């Protein structure tokens, strides 16, 4: 979900925007600490790249950490999406009468 949210946001992907995107699309709460740990892990795996934006007074002088998906990250999202579509394929009738 994190990588998909980053893909949706494009150049504007940073912590708070990613949290908002996931919460908007899933209705699930995302703790900011969990996202930071996840972003660090995804970057170590080579699935994303990060860069620091300009410092701002609204953040106490700290810069925003912008992230973008790498080729390896895109391949991982593509593979995960294909697996999810495959596992869900054919289940539609099970939801029709429930």
Protein backbone atom coordinates (compact mmCIF):
# COMPACT_ATOMS: atom_id res chain seq x y z
CA UNK A 1 0.00 0.00 0.00
CA UNK A 2 2.82 2.39 0.80
CA UNK A 3 4.48 1.93 -2.59
CA UNK A 4 1.13 2.27 -4.37
CA UNK A 5 0.42 5.51 -2.46
CA UNK A 6 3.85 6.84 -3.46
CA UNK A 7 3.10 6.01 -7.09
CA UNK A 8 -0.22 7.87 -6.86
CA UNK A 9 1.37 10.97 -5.32
CA UNK A 10 4.31 11.19 -7.71
CA UNK A 11 6.66 14.08 -6.98
CA UNK A 12 4.59 15.15 -3.96
CA UNK A 13 5.14 11.94 -1.98
CA UNK A 14 6.30 12.66 1.57
CA UNK A 15 5.26 11.32 4.98
CA UNK A 16 2.07 13.25 5.72
CA UNK A 17 0.82 13.08 2.12
CA UNK A 18 1.41 9.31 2.02
CA UNK A 19 -0.49 8.86 5.29
CA UNK A 20 -3.41 10.96 4.00
CA UNK A 21 -3.51 9.01 0.74
CA UNK A 22 -3.59 5.61 2.46
CA UNK A 23 -6.19 6.78 4.99
CA UNK A 24 -8.35 8.31 2.24
CA UNK A 25 -8.29 5.19 0.08
CA UNK A 26 -8.51 2.52 2.80
CA UNK A 27 -10.20 4.19 5.75
CA UNK A 28 -7.42 2.83 7.96
CA UNK A 29 -5.36 4.89 10.41
CA UNK A 30 -1.62 5.00 9.69
CA UNK A 31 0.70 5.85 12.59
CA UNK A 32 3.43 8.22 11.40
CA UNK A 33 6.13 6.27 13.25
CA UNK A 34 5.15 3.10 11.43
CA UNK A 35 5.37 4.89 8.10
CA UNK A 36 8.86 6.22 8.88
CA UNK A 37 10.11 2.73 9.72
CA UNK A 38 8.48 1.35 6.56
CA UNK A 39 10.01 4.05 4.35
CA UNK A 40 13.46 3.34 5.82
CA UNK A 41 13.05 -0.40 5.21
CA UNK A 42 11.81 0.09 1.63
CA UNK A 43 14.72 2.40 0.88
CA UNK A 44 17.23 -0.14 2.27
CA UNK A 45 15.68 -2.80 0.03
CA UNK A 46 16.12 -0.49 -2.97
CA UNK A 47 12.38 -0.04 -3.61
CA UNK A 48 12.45 3.73 -3.23
CA UNK A 49 14.74 6.73 -3.19
CA UNK A 50 14.48 9.75 -0.95
CA UNK A 51 15.58 13.35 -1.11
CA UNK A 52 15.28 16.21 1.33
CA UNK A 53 13.26 19.24 0.33
CA UNK A 54 13.94 22.80 1.47
CA UNK A 55 13.73 23.60 5.19
CA UNK A 56 10.64 25.44 6.28
CA UNK A 57 9.56 27.38 9.35
CA UNK A 58 6.32 25.37 9.62
CA UNK A 59 8.37 22.24 10.43
CA UNK A 60 10.74 23.86 12.90
CA UNK A 61 13.40 24.19 10.21
CA UNK A 62 13.37 20.49 9.33
CA UNK A 63 13.14 19.61 5.62
CA UNK A 64 10.48 17.29 4.22
CA UNK A 65 11.70 13.87 3.10
CA UNK A 66 10.31 13.28 -0.38
CA UNK A 67 10.33 9.73 -1.72
CA UNK A 68 9.98 8.22 -5.17
CA UNK A 69 9.63 4.65 -6.31
CA UNK A 70 12.62 2.97 -7.96
CA UNK A 71 12.54 0.47 -10.83
CA UNK A 72 12.87 -2.36 -8.29
CA UNK A 73 9.98 -0.87 -6.30
CA UNK A 74 7.82 -0.63 -9.40
CA UNK A 75 8.58 -4.27 -10.23
CA UNK A 76 7.64 -5.28 -6.67
CA UNK A 77 4.33 -3.39 -6.88
CA UNK A 78 3.59 -4.92 -10.26
CA UNK A 79 4.32 -8.43 -8.96
CA UNK A 80 2.25 -7.90 -5.81
CA UNK A 81 -0.68 -6.53 -7.82
CA UNK A 82 -0.61 -9.53 -10.18
CA UNK A 83 -0.56 -11.93 -7.23
CA UNK A 84 -3.48 -10.17 -5.52
CA UNK A 85 -5.56 -10.10 -8.71
CA UNK A 86 -4.83 -13.79 -9.23
CA UNK A 87 -5.82 -14.84 -5.71
CA UNK A 88 -9.02 -12.76 -5.84
CA UNK A 89 -9.99 -13.98 -9.30
CA UNK A 90 -13.21 -15.95 -9.28
CA UNK A 91 -14.31 -14.87 -5.80
CA UNK A 92 -16.88 -12.30 -6.98
CA UNK A 93 -19.82 -14.77 -6.82
CA UNK A 94 -19.05 -15.47 -3.16
CA UNK A 95 -19.71 -11.80 -2.31
CA UNK A 96 -22.93 -11.39 -4.29
CA UNK A 97 -25.33 -12.92 -1.76
CA UNK A 98 -23.64 -11.84 1.46
